[in-house]
N, C-alpha and C. Protein backbone atom coordinates (compact mmCIF):
# COMPACT_ATOMS: atom_id res chain seq x y z
N MET A 1 6.13 54.44 -167.80
CA MET A 1 6.25 53.82 -169.10
C MET A 1 4.89 53.26 -169.48
N ASN A 2 4.47 53.50 -170.69
CA ASN A 2 3.26 52.91 -171.24
C ASN A 2 3.67 51.83 -172.22
N THR A 3 3.08 50.65 -172.10
CA THR A 3 3.36 49.55 -173.00
C THR A 3 2.09 49.20 -173.74
N PHE A 4 2.20 49.06 -175.03
CA PHE A 4 1.06 48.70 -175.86
C PHE A 4 1.46 47.52 -176.71
N MET A 5 0.58 46.54 -176.84
CA MET A 5 0.92 45.36 -177.61
C MET A 5 -0.27 44.99 -178.47
N THR A 6 0.02 44.52 -179.65
CA THR A 6 -1.02 44.02 -180.52
C THR A 6 -0.43 42.99 -181.46
N ASP A 7 -1.27 42.20 -182.04
CA ASP A 7 -0.85 41.31 -183.11
C ASP A 7 -1.95 41.33 -184.16
N VAL A 8 -1.81 40.53 -185.19
CA VAL A 8 -2.76 40.62 -186.30
C VAL A 8 -4.18 40.25 -185.89
N SER A 9 -4.39 39.54 -184.79
CA SER A 9 -5.73 39.15 -184.39
C SER A 9 -6.30 40.01 -183.27
N GLU A 10 -5.51 40.92 -182.73
CA GLU A 10 -5.94 41.73 -181.59
C GLU A 10 -5.88 43.20 -181.95
N PRO A 11 -7.06 43.87 -182.08
CA PRO A 11 -7.04 45.30 -182.43
C PRO A 11 -6.44 46.14 -181.31
N ALA A 12 -5.74 47.18 -181.70
CA ALA A 12 -5.13 48.10 -180.73
C ALA A 12 -6.18 49.13 -180.34
N GLN A 13 -6.80 48.96 -179.17
CA GLN A 13 -7.91 49.83 -178.78
C GLN A 13 -7.51 50.91 -177.79
N GLU A 14 -6.49 50.69 -176.97
CA GLU A 14 -6.14 51.64 -175.93
C GLU A 14 -5.02 52.58 -176.35
N LEU A 15 -4.57 52.49 -177.56
CA LEU A 15 -3.43 53.28 -178.01
C LEU A 15 -3.81 54.72 -178.30
N PRO A 16 -2.91 55.65 -177.98
CA PRO A 16 -3.08 57.01 -178.50
C PRO A 16 -3.08 56.95 -180.03
N ALA A 17 -3.76 57.86 -180.67
CA ALA A 17 -3.93 57.83 -182.13
C ALA A 17 -2.61 57.74 -182.88
N ARG A 18 -1.60 58.47 -182.45
CA ARG A 18 -0.32 58.46 -183.18
C ARG A 18 0.37 57.11 -183.07
N LEU A 19 0.30 56.47 -181.90
CA LEU A 19 0.92 55.15 -181.76
C LEU A 19 0.10 54.09 -182.49
N ARG A 20 -1.21 54.24 -182.50
CA ARG A 20 -2.04 53.34 -183.28
C ARG A 20 -1.66 53.42 -184.75
N ARG A 21 -1.46 54.64 -185.24
CA ARG A 21 -1.04 54.82 -186.64
C ARG A 21 0.33 54.20 -186.87
N ALA A 22 1.23 54.36 -185.92
CA ALA A 22 2.56 53.75 -186.05
C ALA A 22 2.44 52.24 -186.18
N LEU A 23 1.60 51.60 -185.37
CA LEU A 23 1.42 50.16 -185.48
C LEU A 23 0.77 49.76 -186.79
N GLU A 24 -0.17 50.56 -187.27
CA GLU A 24 -0.76 50.28 -188.58
C GLU A 24 0.31 50.29 -189.66
N LEU A 25 1.21 51.25 -189.59
CA LEU A 25 2.30 51.33 -190.56
C LEU A 25 3.26 50.15 -190.41
N VAL A 26 3.52 49.75 -189.17
CA VAL A 26 4.40 48.60 -188.92
C VAL A 26 3.79 47.34 -189.55
N PHE A 27 2.50 47.10 -189.29
CA PHE A 27 1.86 45.90 -189.81
C PHE A 27 1.69 45.92 -191.33
N ALA A 28 1.80 47.08 -191.94
CA ALA A 28 1.73 47.16 -193.41
C ALA A 28 3.03 46.69 -194.06
N VAL A 29 4.09 46.56 -193.27
CA VAL A 29 5.37 46.11 -193.81
C VAL A 29 5.32 44.59 -194.00
N GLU A 30 5.65 44.15 -195.20
CA GLU A 30 5.66 42.73 -195.49
C GLU A 30 6.63 41.99 -194.57
N GLY A 31 6.17 40.90 -193.99
CA GLY A 31 7.01 40.10 -193.11
C GLY A 31 6.75 40.31 -191.63
N VAL A 32 6.07 41.39 -191.25
CA VAL A 32 5.76 41.64 -189.84
C VAL A 32 4.53 40.83 -189.45
N VAL A 33 4.67 40.00 -188.41
CA VAL A 33 3.55 39.18 -187.94
C VAL A 33 3.13 39.52 -186.52
N GLY A 34 3.86 40.38 -185.85
CA GLY A 34 3.52 40.82 -184.50
C GLY A 34 4.33 42.05 -184.16
N ALA A 35 3.80 42.85 -183.26
CA ALA A 35 4.51 44.08 -182.88
C ALA A 35 4.12 44.49 -181.47
N ARG A 36 5.03 45.19 -180.85
CA ARG A 36 4.81 45.76 -179.51
C ARG A 36 5.44 47.14 -179.51
N ILE A 37 4.81 48.07 -178.81
CA ILE A 37 5.33 49.44 -178.79
C ILE A 37 5.30 49.95 -177.35
N TRP A 38 6.35 50.65 -176.98
CA TRP A 38 6.48 51.23 -175.64
C TRP A 38 6.68 52.73 -175.82
N GLN A 39 6.16 53.49 -174.87
CA GLN A 39 6.32 54.95 -174.94
C GLN A 39 6.70 55.48 -173.56
N TRP A 40 7.73 56.31 -173.54
CA TRP A 40 8.16 57.07 -172.37
C TRP A 40 8.22 58.53 -172.82
N PRO A 41 8.31 59.46 -171.91
CA PRO A 41 8.48 60.85 -172.33
C PRO A 41 9.73 60.99 -173.21
N GLY A 42 9.54 61.45 -174.43
CA GLY A 42 10.66 61.69 -175.35
C GLY A 42 11.25 60.45 -175.99
N ARG A 43 10.65 59.30 -175.79
CA ARG A 43 11.22 58.05 -176.32
C ARG A 43 10.12 57.06 -176.67
N VAL A 44 10.32 56.36 -177.78
CA VAL A 44 9.41 55.31 -178.21
C VAL A 44 10.25 54.12 -178.66
N ALA A 45 9.81 52.92 -178.31
CA ALA A 45 10.49 51.70 -178.75
C ALA A 45 9.49 50.81 -179.47
N VAL A 46 9.94 50.20 -180.55
CA VAL A 46 9.10 49.32 -181.35
C VAL A 46 9.82 47.98 -181.47
N GLY A 47 9.11 46.91 -181.11
CA GLY A 47 9.63 45.57 -181.28
C GLY A 47 8.73 44.80 -182.22
N ILE A 48 9.33 43.98 -183.08
CA ILE A 48 8.53 43.24 -184.06
C ILE A 48 8.86 41.76 -184.04
N ASN A 49 7.89 40.97 -184.45
CA ASN A 49 8.08 39.56 -184.79
C ASN A 49 8.05 39.48 -186.30
N VAL A 50 8.95 38.71 -186.86
CA VAL A 50 9.10 38.62 -188.31
C VAL A 50 8.75 37.21 -188.76
N ALA A 51 8.03 37.10 -189.87
CA ALA A 51 7.70 35.80 -190.45
C ALA A 51 8.97 35.03 -190.74
N THR A 52 8.91 33.73 -190.59
CA THR A 52 10.12 32.91 -190.76
C THR A 52 10.69 33.01 -192.18
N ALA A 53 9.86 33.29 -193.15
CA ALA A 53 10.34 33.37 -194.53
C ALA A 53 10.93 34.74 -194.88
N SER A 54 10.94 35.67 -193.93
CA SER A 54 11.41 37.03 -194.19
C SER A 54 12.76 37.27 -193.51
N SER A 55 13.53 38.18 -194.07
CA SER A 55 14.81 38.58 -193.48
C SER A 55 14.54 39.52 -192.31
N GLN A 56 15.02 39.17 -191.14
CA GLN A 56 14.78 40.00 -189.96
C GLN A 56 15.38 41.39 -190.12
N GLY A 57 16.62 41.47 -190.55
CA GLY A 57 17.29 42.76 -190.68
C GLY A 57 16.62 43.66 -191.70
N GLU A 58 16.28 43.10 -192.84
CA GLU A 58 15.63 43.89 -193.90
C GLU A 58 14.23 44.34 -193.46
N THR A 59 13.50 43.45 -192.81
CA THR A 59 12.16 43.81 -192.33
C THR A 59 12.25 44.92 -191.30
N LEU A 60 13.20 44.84 -190.40
CA LEU A 60 13.38 45.87 -189.39
C LEU A 60 13.71 47.22 -190.03
N ARG A 61 14.55 47.22 -191.04
CA ARG A 61 14.87 48.47 -191.76
C ARG A 61 13.64 49.06 -192.44
N ARG A 62 12.82 48.19 -193.04
CA ARG A 62 11.60 48.68 -193.70
C ARG A 62 10.62 49.26 -192.68
N VAL A 63 10.56 48.69 -191.49
CA VAL A 63 9.70 49.22 -190.43
C VAL A 63 10.17 50.62 -190.04
N GLU A 64 11.47 50.81 -189.87
CA GLU A 64 12.00 52.12 -189.50
C GLU A 64 11.61 53.17 -190.53
N VAL A 65 11.69 52.83 -191.80
CA VAL A 65 11.33 53.76 -192.86
C VAL A 65 9.82 54.01 -192.87
N ALA A 66 9.04 52.96 -192.66
CA ALA A 66 7.59 53.07 -192.75
C ALA A 66 6.98 54.00 -191.71
N ILE A 67 7.56 54.06 -190.52
CA ILE A 67 6.95 54.88 -189.48
C ILE A 67 7.47 56.32 -189.44
N ALA A 68 8.33 56.65 -190.37
CA ALA A 68 8.89 58.01 -190.41
C ALA A 68 7.81 59.11 -190.34
N PRO A 69 6.66 58.95 -190.97
CA PRO A 69 5.66 60.03 -190.91
C PRO A 69 5.11 60.35 -189.52
N VAL A 70 5.20 59.42 -188.58
CA VAL A 70 4.63 59.68 -187.25
C VAL A 70 5.68 60.05 -186.21
N ARG A 71 6.93 60.07 -186.61
CA ARG A 71 8.00 60.39 -185.65
C ARG A 71 8.11 61.90 -185.46
N HIS A 72 8.42 62.31 -184.24
CA HIS A 72 8.68 63.71 -183.95
C HIS A 72 10.19 63.91 -183.81
N ASP A 73 10.68 65.06 -184.21
CA ASP A 73 12.12 65.34 -184.18
C ASP A 73 12.70 65.30 -182.78
N ASP A 74 11.90 65.62 -181.77
CA ASP A 74 12.41 65.68 -180.40
C ASP A 74 12.29 64.35 -179.66
N GLU A 75 12.01 63.26 -180.37
CA GLU A 75 11.89 61.94 -179.77
C GLU A 75 13.02 61.02 -180.25
N VAL A 76 13.35 60.07 -179.40
CA VAL A 76 14.27 59.00 -179.78
C VAL A 76 13.41 57.76 -180.02
N TRP A 77 13.61 57.12 -181.15
CA TRP A 77 12.90 55.89 -181.48
C TRP A 77 13.91 54.75 -181.56
N ASP A 78 13.61 53.65 -180.88
CA ASP A 78 14.43 52.45 -180.92
C ASP A 78 13.64 51.33 -181.57
N PHE A 79 14.34 50.47 -182.31
CA PHE A 79 13.69 49.37 -183.02
C PHE A 79 14.44 48.08 -182.71
N GLY A 80 13.69 46.99 -182.59
CA GLY A 80 14.33 45.71 -182.34
C GLY A 80 13.39 44.56 -182.61
N LEU A 81 13.96 43.37 -182.47
CA LEU A 81 13.20 42.14 -182.66
C LEU A 81 12.74 41.62 -181.30
N LEU A 82 11.53 41.13 -181.24
CA LEU A 82 11.02 40.55 -180.01
C LEU A 82 11.55 39.13 -179.87
N GLU A 83 11.87 38.73 -178.67
CA GLU A 83 12.36 37.37 -178.44
C GLU A 83 11.29 36.37 -178.77
N GLY A 84 11.73 35.23 -179.21
CA GLY A 84 10.79 34.16 -179.56
C GLY A 84 10.24 34.32 -180.95
N ALA A 85 10.80 35.26 -181.71
CA ALA A 85 10.31 35.49 -183.07
C ALA A 85 10.79 34.41 -184.00
């Protein structure tokens, strides 16, 4: 399992290009203040921290839509909220 983490103050330097792009798309969603991404063969998981003034459920749905361009049909993508958000 590969784990990659970044937040608004820490650039994602070790990420494969596609996952880096996925995080860029995640952070472009209004209300996202932190994100973490995990990758396994055939599976990717995305966890986000949401600003207190934003709806967690709505922000999570917007993240799922935002990263659609980088998803592959043969992969499973999971989305969730990071604890302590």
